[in-house]
Amino acid sequence: MLDIKFVRDNPEVVKQNIKNKFQDHKLPLVDEVIELDEKNRKIKQE
C-alpha cells in the first residue's frame, strides 16, 4: 500500500505505474483517492 501523501503529491507517477502494469481499469482509483483524501482532510479540519 502506498503512502497517501505520495499519491496526493505524485498522481501522474502513480497512474503511469498502473499503465506500466497494464491495469488501466485501476486508473480512476487515483483520482477517487485524491478526492476522498481532500474530503477527509476537510472533515478533520472542521
All heavy atoms as atom14 arrays in JSON, in Angstrom:
{
  "sequence": "MLDIKFVRDNPEVVKQNIKNKFQDHKLPLVDEVIELDEKNRKIKQE",
  "atom14_mask": [
    [1, 1, 1, 1, 1, 1, 1, 1, 0, 0, 0, 0, 0, 0],
    [1, 1, 1, 1, 1, 1, 1, 1, 0, 0, 0, 0, 0, 0],
    [1, 1, 1, 1, 1, 1, 1, 1, 0, 0, 0, 0, 0, 0],
    [1, 1, 1, 1, 1, 1, 1, 1, 0, 0, 0, 0, 0, 0],
    [1, 1, 1, 1, 1, 1, 1, 1, 1, 0, 0, 0, 0, 0],
    [1, 1, 1, 1, 1, 1, 1, 1, 1, 1, 1, 0, 0, 0],
    [1, 1, 1, 1, 1, 1, 1, 0, 0, 0, 0, 0, 0, 0],
    [1, 1, 1, 1, 1, 1, 1, 1, 1, 1, 1, 0, 0, 0],
    [1, 1, 1, 1, 1, 1, 1, 1, 0, 0, 0, 0, 0, 0],
    [1, 1, 1, 1, 1, 1, 1, 1, 0, 0, 0, 0, 0, 0],
    [1, 1, 1, 1, 1, 1, 1, 0, 0, 0, 0, 0, 0, 0],
    [1, 1, 1, 1, 1, 1, 1, 1, 1, 0, 0, 0, 0, 0],
    [1, 1, 1, 1, 1, 1, 1, 0, 0, 0, 0, 0, 0, 0],
    [1, 1, 1, 1, 1, 1, 1, 0, 0, 0, 0, 0, 0, 0],
    [1, 1, 1, 1, 1, 1, 1, 1, 1, 0, 0, 0, 0, 0],
    [1, 1, 1, 1, 1, 1, 1, 1, 1, 0, 0, 0, 0, 0],
    [1, 1, 1, 1, 1, 1, 1, 1, 0, 0, 0, 0, 0, 0],
    [1, 1, 1, 1, 1, 1, 1, 1, 0, 0, 0, 0, 0, 0],
    [1, 1, 1, 1, 1, 1, 1, 1, 1, 0, 0, 0, 0, 0],
    [1, 1, 1, 1, 1, 1, 1, 1, 0, 0, 0, 0, 0, 0],
    [1, 1, 1, 1, 1, 1, 1, 1, 1, 0, 0, 0, 0, 0],
    [1, 1, 1, 1, 1, 1, 1, 1, 1, 1, 1, 0, 0, 0],
    [1, 1, 1, 1, 1, 1, 1, 1, 1, 0, 0, 0, 0, 0],
    [1, 1, 1, 1, 1, 1, 1, 1, 0, 0, 0, 0, 0, 0],
    [1, 1, 1, 1, 1, 1, 1, 1, 1, 1, 0, 0, 0, 0],
    [1, 1, 1, 1, 1, 1, 1, 1, 1, 0, 0, 0, 0, 0],
    [1, 1, 1, 1, 1, 1, 1, 1, 0, 0, 0, 0, 0, 0],
    [1, 1, 1, 1, 1, 1, 1, 0, 0, 0, 0, 0, 0, 0],
    [1, 1, 1, 1, 1, 1, 1, 1, 0, 0, 0, 0, 0, 0],
    [1, 1, 1, 1, 1, 1, 1, 0, 0, 0, 0, 0, 0, 0],
    [1, 1, 1, 1, 1, 1, 1, 1, 0, 0, 0, 0, 0, 0],
    [1, 1, 1, 1, 1, 1, 1, 1, 1, 0, 0, 0, 0, 0],
    [1, 1, 1, 1, 1, 1, 1, 0, 0, 0, 0, 0, 0, 0],
    [1, 1, 1, 1, 1, 1, 1, 1, 0, 0, 0, 0, 0, 0],
    [1, 1, 1, 1, 1, 1, 1, 1, 1, 0, 0, 0, 0, 0],
    [1, 1, 1, 1, 1, 1, 1, 1, 0, 0, 0, 0, 0, 0],
    [1, 1, 1, 1, 1, 1, 1, 1, 0, 0, 0, 0, 0, 0],
    [1, 1, 1, 1, 1, 1, 1, 1, 1, 0, 0, 0, 0, 0],
    [1, 1, 1, 1, 1, 1, 1, 1, 1, 0, 0, 0, 0, 0],
    [1, 1, 1, 1, 1, 1, 1, 1, 0, 0, 0, 0, 0, 0],
    [1, 1, 1, 1, 1, 1, 1, 1, 1, 1, 1, 0, 0, 0],
    [1, 1, 1, 1, 1, 1, 1, 1, 1, 0, 0, 0, 0, 0],
    [1, 1, 1, 1, 1, 1, 1, 1, 0, 0, 0, 0, 0, 0],
    [1, 1, 1, 1, 1, 1, 1, 1, 1, 0, 0, 0, 0, 0],
    [1, 1, 1, 1, 1, 1, 1, 1, 1, 0, 0, 0, 0, 0],
    [1, 1, 1, 1, 1, 1, 1, 1, 1, 0, 0, 0, 0, 0]
  ],
  "atom14_positions": [
    [[0.84, -1.19, 0.0], [0.0, 0.0, 0.0], [0.88, 1.24, 0.0], [1.82, 1.34, 0.78], [-0.92, -0.02, 1.23], [-1.97, 1.07, 1.23], [-3.27, 0.75, 2.42], [-2.36, 1.01, 3.96], [0.0, 0.0, 0.0], [0.0, 0.0, 0.0], [0.0, 0.0, 0.0], [0.0, 0.0, 0.0], [0.0, 0.0, 0.0], [0.0, 0.0, 0.0]],
    [[0.55, 2.18, -0.87], [1.35, 3.39, -0.99], [1.03, 4.37, 0.13], [-0.02, 4.31, 0.76], [1.08, 4.06, -2.34], [1.46, 3.27, -3.6], [1.0, 4.01, -4.84], [2.96, 3.01, -3.65], [0.0, 0.0, 0.0], [0.0, 0.0, 0.0], [0.0, 0.0, 0.0], [0.0, 0.0, 0.0], [0.0, 0.0, 0.0], [0.0, 0.0, 0.0]],
    [[1.95, 5.3, 0.34], [1.73, 6.41, 1.25], [0.73, 7.37, 0.6], [0.91, 7.79, -0.55], [3.06, 7.11, 1.52], [2.95, 8.24, 2.54], [1.83, 8.63, 2.9], [4.01, 8.75, 2.96], [0.0, 0.0, 0.0], [0.0, 0.0, 0.0], [0.0, 0.0, 0.0], [0.0, 0.0, 0.0], [0.0, 0.0, 0.0], [0.0, 0.0, 0.0]],
    [[-0.35, 7.72, 1.31], [-1.37, 8.6, 0.77], [-0.77, 9.94, 0.35], [-1.2, 10.53, -0.66], [-2.53, 8.79, 1.78], [-3.68, 9.61, 1.16], [-2.03, 9.48, 3.04], [-4.42, 8.9, 0.1], [0.0, 0.0, 0.0], [0.0, 0.0, 0.0], [0.0, 0.0, 0.0], [0.0, 0.0, 0.0], [0.0, 0.0, 0.0], [0.0, 0.0, 0.0]],
    [[0.23, 10.41, 1.08], [0.88, 11.68, 0.73], [1.58, 11.56, -0.62], [1.56, 12.49, -1.43], [1.87, 12.1, 1.81], [2.48, 13.48, 1.59], [3.4, 13.87, 2.74], [3.93, 15.29, 2.59], [4.69, 15.49, 1.33], [0.0, 0.0, 0.0], [0.0, 0.0, 0.0], [0.0, 0.0, 0.0], [0.0, 0.0, 0.0], [0.0, 0.0, 0.0]],
    [[2.19, 10.38, -0.88], [2.85, 10.16, -2.16], [1.84, 10.2, -3.3], [2.11, 10.8, -4.35], [3.59, 8.82, -2.16], [4.3, 8.52, -3.45], [5.61, 8.98, -3.66], [3.69, 7.8, -4.46], [6.26, 8.72, -4.85], [4.34, 7.54, -5.66], [5.63, 8.0, -5.84], [0.0, 0.0, 0.0], [0.0, 0.0, 0.0], [0.0, 0.0, 0.0]],
    [[0.69, 9.57, -3.1], [-0.35, 9.57, -4.13], [-0.85, 10.99, -4.37], [-1.05, 11.42, -5.51], [-1.53, 8.65, -3.72], [-2.64, 8.71, -4.78], [-1.06, 7.22, -3.54], [0.0, 0.0, 0.0], [0.0, 0.0, 0.0], [0.0, 0.0, 0.0], [0.0, 0.0, 0.0], [0.0, 0.0, 0.0], [0.0, 0.0, 0.0], [0.0, 0.0, 0.0]],
    [[-1.04, 11.73, -3.3], [-1.53, 13.12, -3.36], [-0.55, 14.01, -4.14], [-0.97, 14.83, -4.96], [-1.73, 13.65, -1.95], [-2.4, 15.03, -1.85], [-2.26, 15.57, -0.43], [-2.73, 14.58, 0.56], [-2.15, 14.39, 1.75], [-1.08, 15.08, 2.1], [-2.64, 13.5, 2.59], [0.0, 0.0, 0.0], [0.0, 0.0, 0.0], [0.0, 0.0, 0.0]],
    [[0.74, 13.83, -3.87], [1.77, 14.69, -4.48], [2.22, 14.21, -5.86], [2.78, 15.0, -6.63], [2.99, 14.78, -3.56], [2.69, 15.46, -2.23], [1.66, 16.16, -2.15], [3.49, 15.29, -1.28], [0.0, 0.0, 0.0], [0.0, 0.0, 0.0], [0.0, 0.0, 0.0], [0.0, 0.0, 0.0], [0.0, 0.0, 0.0], [0.0, 0.0, 0.0]],
    [[1.98, 12.92, -6.17], [2.51, 12.35, -7.42], [1.45, 11.53, -8.17], [1.69, 10.37, -8.53], [3.73, 11.47, -7.14], [4.83, 12.19, -6.4], [5.64, 12.9, -7.0], [4.87, 12.03, -5.09], [0.0, 0.0, 0.0], [0.0, 0.0, 0.0], [0.0, 0.0, 0.0], [0.0, 0.0, 0.0], [0.0, 0.0, 0.0], [0.0, 0.0, 0.0]],
    [[0.29, 12.1, -8.43], [-0.77, 11.31, -9.07], [-0.4, 10.76, -10.44], [-0.77, 9.63, -10.78], [-1.95, 12.29, -9.16], [-1.32, 13.65, -9.1], [-0.14, 13.51, -8.21], [0.0, 0.0, 0.0], [0.0, 0.0, 0.0], [0.0, 0.0, 0.0], [0.0, 0.0, 0.0], [0.0, 0.0, 0.0], [0.0, 0.0, 0.0], [0.0, 0.0, 0.0]],
    [[0.36, 11.53, -11.22], [0.73, 11.07, -12.56], [1.73, 9.92, -12.5], [1.71, 9.03, -13.37], [1.27, 12.24, -13.38], [0.23, 13.33, -13.65], [-1.08, 12.76, -14.22], [-1.01, 11.93, -15.16], [-2.16, 13.14, -13.72], [0.0, 0.0, 0.0], [0.0, 0.0, 0.0], [0.0, 0.0, 0.0], [0.0, 0.0, 0.0], [0.0, 0.0, 0.0]],
    [[2.62, 9.95, -11.51], [3.57, 8.84, -11.33], [2.81, 7.55, -11.01], [3.11, 6.49, -11.56], [4.58, 9.17, -10.21], [5.45, 7.94, -9.9], [5.45, 10.35, -10.59], [0.0, 0.0, 0.0], [0.0, 0.0, 0.0], [0.0, 0.0, 0.0], [0.0, 0.0, 0.0], [0.0, 0.0, 0.0], [0.0, 0.0, 0.0], [0.0, 0.0, 0.0]],
    [[1.82, 7.66, -10.11], [1.02, 6.5, -9.72], [0.23, 5.97, -10.92], [0.14, 4.76, -11.14], [0.07, 6.86, -8.56], [-0.8, 5.66, -8.19], [0.87, 7.32, -7.34], [0.0, 0.0, 0.0], [0.0, 0.0, 0.0], [0.0, 0.0, 0.0], [0.0, 0.0, 0.0], [0.0, 0.0, 0.0], [0.0, 0.0, 0.0], [0.0, 0.0, 0.0]],
    [[-0.33, 6.87, -11.71], [-1.09, 6.46, -12.89], [-0.2, 5.79, -13.93], [-0.59, 4.79, -14.54], [-1.8, 7.68, -13.5], [-2.97, 8.19, -12.68], [-3.62, 9.4, -13.33], [-4.79, 9.93, -12.5], [-5.4, 11.13, -13.12], [0.0, 0.0, 0.0], [0.0, 0.0, 0.0], [0.0, 0.0, 0.0], [0.0, 0.0, 0.0], [0.0, 0.0, 0.0]],
    [[0.99, 6.34, -14.15], [1.9, 5.74, -15.12], [2.33, 4.35, -14.66], [2.47, 3.44, -15.48], [3.13, 6.64, -15.32], [4.07, 6.15, -16.43], [3.38, 6.04, -17.77], [2.77, 7.0, -18.25], [3.46, 4.86, -18.4], [0.0, 0.0, 0.0], [0.0, 0.0, 0.0], [0.0, 0.0, 0.0], [0.0, 0.0, 0.0], [0.0, 0.0, 0.0]],
    [[2.53, 4.2, -13.37], [2.89, 2.89, -12.82], [1.78, 1.87, -13.08], [2.04, 0.71, -13.41], [3.16, 3.01, -11.31], [3.7, 1.73, -10.7], [4.82, 1.31, -10.97], [2.88, 1.09, -9.87], [0.0, 0.0, 0.0], [0.0, 0.0, 0.0], [0.0, 0.0, 0.0], [0.0, 0.0, 0.0], [0.0, 0.0, 0.0], [0.0, 0.0, 0.0]],
    [[0.54, 2.31, -12.93], [-0.61, 1.44, -13.23], [-0.62, 1.05, -14.7], [-0.85, -0.11, -15.05], [-1.93, 2.15, -12.84], [-2.04, 2.27, -11.32], [-3.14, 1.4, -13.39], [-3.21, 3.12, -10.83], [0.0, 0.0, 0.0], [0.0, 0.0, 0.0], [0.0, 0.0, 0.0], [0.0, 0.0, 0.0], [0.0, 0.0, 0.0], [0.0, 0.0, 0.0]],
    [[-0.35, 2.02, -15.56], [-0.29, 1.75, -17.01], [0.84, 0.76, -17.32], [0.68, -0.13, -18.17], [-0.08, 3.04, -17.79], [-1.28, 4.0, -17.76], [-0.96, 5.3, -18.48], [-2.11, 6.29, -18.4], [-1.78, 7.59, -19.05], [0.0, 0.0, 0.0], [0.0, 0.0, 0.0], [0.0, 0.0, 0.0], [0.0, 0.0, 0.0], [0.0, 0.0, 0.0]],
    [[1.98, 0.95, -16.66], [3.12, 0.06, -16.88], [2.81, -1.39, -16.5], [3.44, -2.32, -17.0], [4.34, 0.55, -16.1], [4.95, 1.81, -16.69], [4.68, 2.18, -17.83], [5.79, 2.49, -15.91], [0.0, 0.0, 0.0], [0.0, 0.0, 0.0], [0.0, 0.0, 0.0], [0.0, 0.0, 0.0], [0.0, 0.0, 0.0], [0.0, 0.0, 0.0]],
    [[1.86, -1.55, -15.59], [1.46, -2.89, -15.16], [0.24, -3.39, -15.94], [-0.32, -4.43, -15.61], [1.17, -2.89, -13.65], [2.43, -2.69, -12.8], [2.13, -2.67, -11.32], [1.66, -4.02, -10.82], [2.71, -5.08, -10.89], [0.0, 0.0, 0.0], [0.0, 0.0, 0.0], [0.0, 0.0, 0.0], [0.0, 0.0, 0.0], [0.0, 0.0, 0.0]],
    [[-0.19, -2.6, -16.94], [-1.31, -2.97, -17.81], [-2.59, -3.24, -17.0], [-3.32, -4.19, -17.23], [-0.93, -4.18, -18.67], [0.26, -3.92, -19.55], [1.55, -4.17, -19.08], [0.1, -3.39, -20.81], [2.66, -3.9, -19.88], [1.22, -3.12, -21.61], [2.49, -3.38, -21.15], [0.0, 0.0, 0.0], [0.0, 0.0, 0.0], [0.0, 0.0, 0.0]],
    [[-2.84, -2.33, -16.05], [-4.02, -2.39, -15.21], [-4.84, -1.1, -15.34], [-5.26, -0.51, -14.35], [-3.62, -2.63, -13.74], [-2.9, -3.94, -13.5], [-2.53, -4.14, -12.03], [-2.96, -3.39, -11.14], [-1.74, -5.16, -11.75], [0.0, 0.0, 0.0], [0.0, 0.0, 0.0], [0.0, 0.0, 0.0], [0.0, 0.0, 0.0], [0.0, 0.0, 0.0]],
    [[-5.09, -0.68, -16.57], [-5.74, 0.6, -16.83], [-7.1, 0.74, -16.14], [-7.55, 1.87, -15.87], [-5.91, 0.82, -18.33], [-4.58, 1.13, -19.02], [-3.52, 0.79, -18.43], [-4.57, 1.68, -20.14], [0.0, 0.0, 0.0], [0.0, 0.0, 0.0], [0.0, 0.0, 0.0], [0.0, 0.0, 0.0], [0.0, 0.0, 0.0], [0.0, 0.0, 0.0]],
    [[-7.76, -0.37, -15.85], [-9.05, -0.31, -15.17], [-8.94, 0.28, -13.76], [-9.95, 0.71, -13.18], [-9.68, -1.7, -15.08], [-8.87, -2.7, -14.3], [-7.74, -3.29, -14.79], [-9.03, -3.19, -13.03], [-7.23, -4.11, -13.89], [-7.99, -4.07, -12.81], [0.0, 0.0, 0.0], [0.0, 0.0, 0.0], [0.0, 0.0, 0.0], [0.0, 0.0, 0.0]],
    [[-7.71, 0.35, -13.23], [-7.5, 0.9, -11.9], [-7.19, 2.41, -11.91], [-7.09, 3.04, -10.85], [-6.36, 0.17, -11.18], [-6.68, -1.29, -10.85], [-5.52, -1.92, -10.08], [-5.84, -3.37, -9.74], [-4.72, -4.02, -8.98], [0.0, 0.0, 0.0], [0.0, 0.0, 0.0], [0.0, 0.0, 0.0], [0.0, 0.0, 0.0], [0.0, 0.0, 0.0]],
    [[-7.04, 3.0, -13.09], [-6.67, 4.41, -13.19], [-7.64, 5.34, -12.47], [-7.2, 6.29, -11.79], [-6.54, 4.82, -14.66], [-5.3, 4.28, -15.4], [-5.4, 4.57, -16.9], [-4.03, 4.9, -14.82], [0.0, 0.0, 0.0], [0.0, 0.0, 0.0], [0.0, 0.0, 0.0], [0.0, 0.0, 0.0], [0.0, 0.0, 0.0], [0.0, 0.0, 0.0]],
    [[-8.97, 5.13, -12.55], [-9.89, 6.03, -11.84], [-9.69, 6.04, -10.33], [-10.07, 7.01, -9.66], [-11.28, 5.47, -12.22], [-11.07, 4.73, -13.5], [-9.7, 4.15, -13.39], [0.0, 0.0, 0.0], [0.0, 0.0, 0.0], [0.0, 0.0, 0.0], [0.0, 0.0, 0.0], [0.0, 0.0, 0.0], [0.0, 0.0, 0.0], [0.0, 0.0, 0.0]],
    [[-9.1, 4.98, -9.79], [-8.91, 4.89, -8.34], [-8.04, 6.02, -7.81], [-8.22, 6.48, -6.68], [-8.28, 3.55, -7.96], [-9.11, 2.29, -8.24], [-8.27, 1.04, -7.93], [-10.39, 2.28, -7.42], [0.0, 0.0, 0.0], [0.0, 0.0, 0.0], [0.0, 0.0, 0.0], [0.0, 0.0, 0.0], [0.0, 0.0, 0.0], [0.0, 0.0, 0.0]],
    [[-7.09, 6.46, -8.61], [-6.15, 7.5, -8.17], [-6.9, 8.8, -7.9], [-6.75, 9.42, -6.83], [-5.03, 7.72, -9.2], [-4.05, 8.79, -8.71], [-4.29, 6.41, -9.48], [0.0, 0.0, 0.0], [0.0, 0.0, 0.0], [0.0, 0.0, 0.0], [0.0, 0.0, 0.0], [0.0, 0.0, 0.0], [0.0, 0.0, 0.0], [0.0, 0.0, 0.0]],
    [[-7.71, 9.23, -8.86], [-8.49, 10.47, -8.68], [-9.51, 10.31, -7.56], [-9.77, 11.26, -6.8], [-9.19, 10.86, -9.98], [-8.2, 11.31, -11.05], [-7.11, 11.82, -10.69], [-8.51, 11.14, -12.26], [0.0, 0.0, 0.0], [0.0, 0.0, 0.0], [0.0, 0.0, 0.0], [0.0, 0.0, 0.0], [0.0, 0.0, 0.0], [0.0, 0.0, 0.0]],
    [[-10.09, 9.12, -7.45], [-11.05, 8.88, -6.38], [-10.4, 8.99, -5.0], [-10.97, 9.59, -4.08], [-11.69, 7.49, -6.54], [-12.63, 7.37, -7.73], [-13.08, 5.94, -7.98], [-12.88, 5.09, -7.08], [-13.62, 5.65, -9.06], [0.0, 0.0, 0.0], [0.0, 0.0, 0.0], [0.0, 0.0, 0.0], [0.0, 0.0, 0.0], [0.0, 0.0, 0.0]],
    [[-9.21, 8.44, -4.88], [-8.47, 8.52, -3.61], [-8.13, 9.97, -3.27], [-8.3, 10.4, -2.12], [-7.19, 7.66, -3.68], [-6.21, 8.06, -2.56], [-7.52, 6.18, -3.56], [0.0, 0.0, 0.0], [0.0, 0.0, 0.0], [0.0, 0.0, 0.0], [0.0, 0.0, 0.0], [0.0, 0.0, 0.0], [0.0, 0.0, 0.0], [0.0, 0.0, 0.0]],
    [[-7.66, 10.72, -4.25], [-7.3, 12.12, -4.03], [-8.52, 12.93, -3.6], [-8.46, 13.75, -2.68], [-6.64, 12.72, -5.29], [-5.26, 12.08, -5.5], [-6.52, 14.24, -5.18], [-4.61, 12.43, -6.81], [0.0, 0.0, 0.0], [0.0, 0.0, 0.0], [0.0, 0.0, 0.0], [0.0, 0.0, 0.0], [0.0, 0.0, 0.0], [0.0, 0.0, 0.0]],
    [[-9.67, 12.7, -4.26], [-10.91, 13.4, -3.92], [-11.37, 13.04, -2.51], [-11.76, 13.91, -1.72], [-11.99, 13.02, -4.94], [-13.29, 13.79, -4.77], [-14.33, 13.43, -5.82], [-13.95, 12.96, -6.92], [-15.54, 13.57, -5.53], [0.0, 0.0, 0.0], [0.0, 0.0, 0.0], [0.0, 0.0, 0.0], [0.0, 0.0, 0.0], [0.0, 0.0, 0.0]],
    [[-11.33, 11.75, -2.19], [-11.73, 11.3, -0.86], [-10.78, 11.82, 0.22], [-11.2, 12.18, 1.32], [-11.79, 9.77, -0.81], [-12.97, 9.12, -1.54], [-12.7, 7.63, -1.75], [-14.26, 9.31, -0.75], [0.0, 0.0, 0.0], [0.0, 0.0, 0.0], [0.0, 0.0, 0.0], [0.0, 0.0, 0.0], [0.0, 0.0, 0.0], [0.0, 0.0, 0.0]],
    [[-9.49, 11.86, -0.11], [-8.49, 12.38, 0.83], [-8.73, 13.86, 1.13], [-8.62, 14.29, 2.28], [-7.09, 12.16, 0.26], [-6.0, 12.74, 1.15], [-5.9, 12.34, 2.32], [-5.25, 13.61, 0.65], [0.0, 0.0, 0.0], [0.0, 0.0, 0.0], [0.0, 0.0, 0.0], [0.0, 0.0, 0.0], [0.0, 0.0, 0.0], [0.0, 0.0, 0.0]],
    [[-9.05, 14.63, 0.09], [-9.35, 16.06, 0.28], [-10.59, 16.23, 1.16], [-10.61, 17.06, 2.07], [-9.57, 16.72, -1.07], [-9.76, 18.24, -0.98], [-9.92, 18.9, -2.34], [-9.77, 18.2, -3.37], [-10.21, 20.11, -2.37], [0.0, 0.0, 0.0], [0.0, 0.0, 0.0], [0.0, 0.0, 0.0], [0.0, 0.0, 0.0], [0.0, 0.0, 0.0]],
    [[-11.6, 15.43, 0.9], [-12.81, 15.45, 1.72], [-12.5, 15.1, 3.17], [-12.98, 15.76, 4.1], [-13.84, 14.46, 1.16], [-15.12, 14.34, 1.97], [-16.03, 13.26, 1.38], [-17.27, 13.06, 2.24], [-18.13, 11.97, 1.69], [0.0, 0.0, 0.0], [0.0, 0.0, 0.0], [0.0, 0.0, 0.0], [0.0, 0.0, 0.0], [0.0, 0.0, 0.0]],
    [[-11.66, 14.09, 3.36], [-11.31, 13.64, 4.71], [-10.53, 14.69, 5.48], [-10.76, 14.9, 6.68], [-10.49, 12.35, 4.62], [-10.42, 11.6, 5.94], [-11.42, 11.46, 6.63], [-9.25, 11.09, 6.28], [0.0, 0.0, 0.0], [0.0, 0.0, 0.0], [0.0, 0.0, 0.0], [0.0, 0.0, 0.0], [0.0, 0.0, 0.0], [0.0, 0.0, 0.0]],
    [[-9.64, 15.38, 4.78], [-8.87, 16.44, 5.45], [-9.76, 17.62, 5.85], [-9.55, 18.23, 6.89], [-7.72, 16.89, 4.55], [-6.55, 15.88, 4.54], [-5.34, 16.35, 3.77], [-5.59, 16.41, 2.35], [-5.12, 17.34, 1.56], [-4.42, 18.34, 2.06], [-5.39, 17.32, 0.26], [0.0, 0.0, 0.0], [0.0, 0.0, 0.0], [0.0, 0.0, 0.0]],
    [[-10.76, 17.93, 5.01], [-11.72, 18.99, 5.36], [-12.55, 18.59, 6.57], [-12.85, 19.43, 7.43], [-12.62, 19.29, 4.16], [-11.94, 20.07, 3.05], [-12.88, 20.33, 1.89], [-12.19, 21.15, 0.8], [-13.07, 21.35, -0.39], [0.0, 0.0, 0.0], [0.0, 0.0, 0.0], [0.0, 0.0, 0.0], [0.0, 0.0, 0.0], [0.0, 0.0, 0.0]],
    [[-12.93, 17.34, 6.63], [-13.67, 16.84, 7.8], [-12.84, 17.0, 9.06], [-13.33, 17.48, 10.08], [-14.06, 15.35, 7.6], [-15.11, 15.21, 6.5], [-14.59, 14.75, 8.91], [-15.38, 13.76, 6.09], [0.0, 0.0, 0.0], [0.0, 0.0, 0.0], [0.0, 0.0, 0.0], [0.0, 0.0, 0.0], [0.0, 0.0, 0.0], [0.0, 0.0, 0.0]],
    [[-11.57, 16.59, 8.97], [-10.68, 16.69, 10.12], [-10.51, 18.14, 10.57], [-10.5, 18.44, 11.77], [-9.31, 16.08, 9.8], [-9.31, 14.57, 9.62], [-7.92, 14.07, 9.27], [-7.9, 12.57, 9.01], [-8.18, 11.76, 10.21], [0.0, 0.0, 0.0], [0.0, 0.0, 0.0], [0.0, 0.0, 0.0], [0.0, 0.0, 0.0], [0.0, 0.0, 0.0]],
    [[-10.38, 19.04, 9.6], [-10.24, 20.47, 9.92], [-11.48, 21.01, 10.62], [-11.39, 21.77, 11.59], [-9.97, 21.26, 8.64], [-8.57, 21.04, 8.07], [-8.41, 21.63, 6.67], [-9.33, 22.26, 6.13], [-7.24, 21.44, 6.07], [0.0, 0.0, 0.0], [0.0, 0.0, 0.0], [0.0, 0.0, 0.0], [0.0, 0.0, 0.0], [0.0, 0.0, 0.0]],
    [[-12.65, 20.62, 10.12], [-13.9, 21.08, 10.75], [-14.04, 20.52, 12.16], [-14.46, 21.24, 13.07], [-15.1, 20.68, 9.9], [-16.42, 21.27, 10.42], [-17.62, 20.97, 9.54], [-17.43, 20.48, 8.41], [-18.75, 21.21, 10.01], [0.0, 0.0, 0.0], [0.0, 0.0, 0.0], [0.0, 0.0, 0.0], [0.0, 0.0, 0.0], [0.0, 0.0, 0.0]]
  ]
}
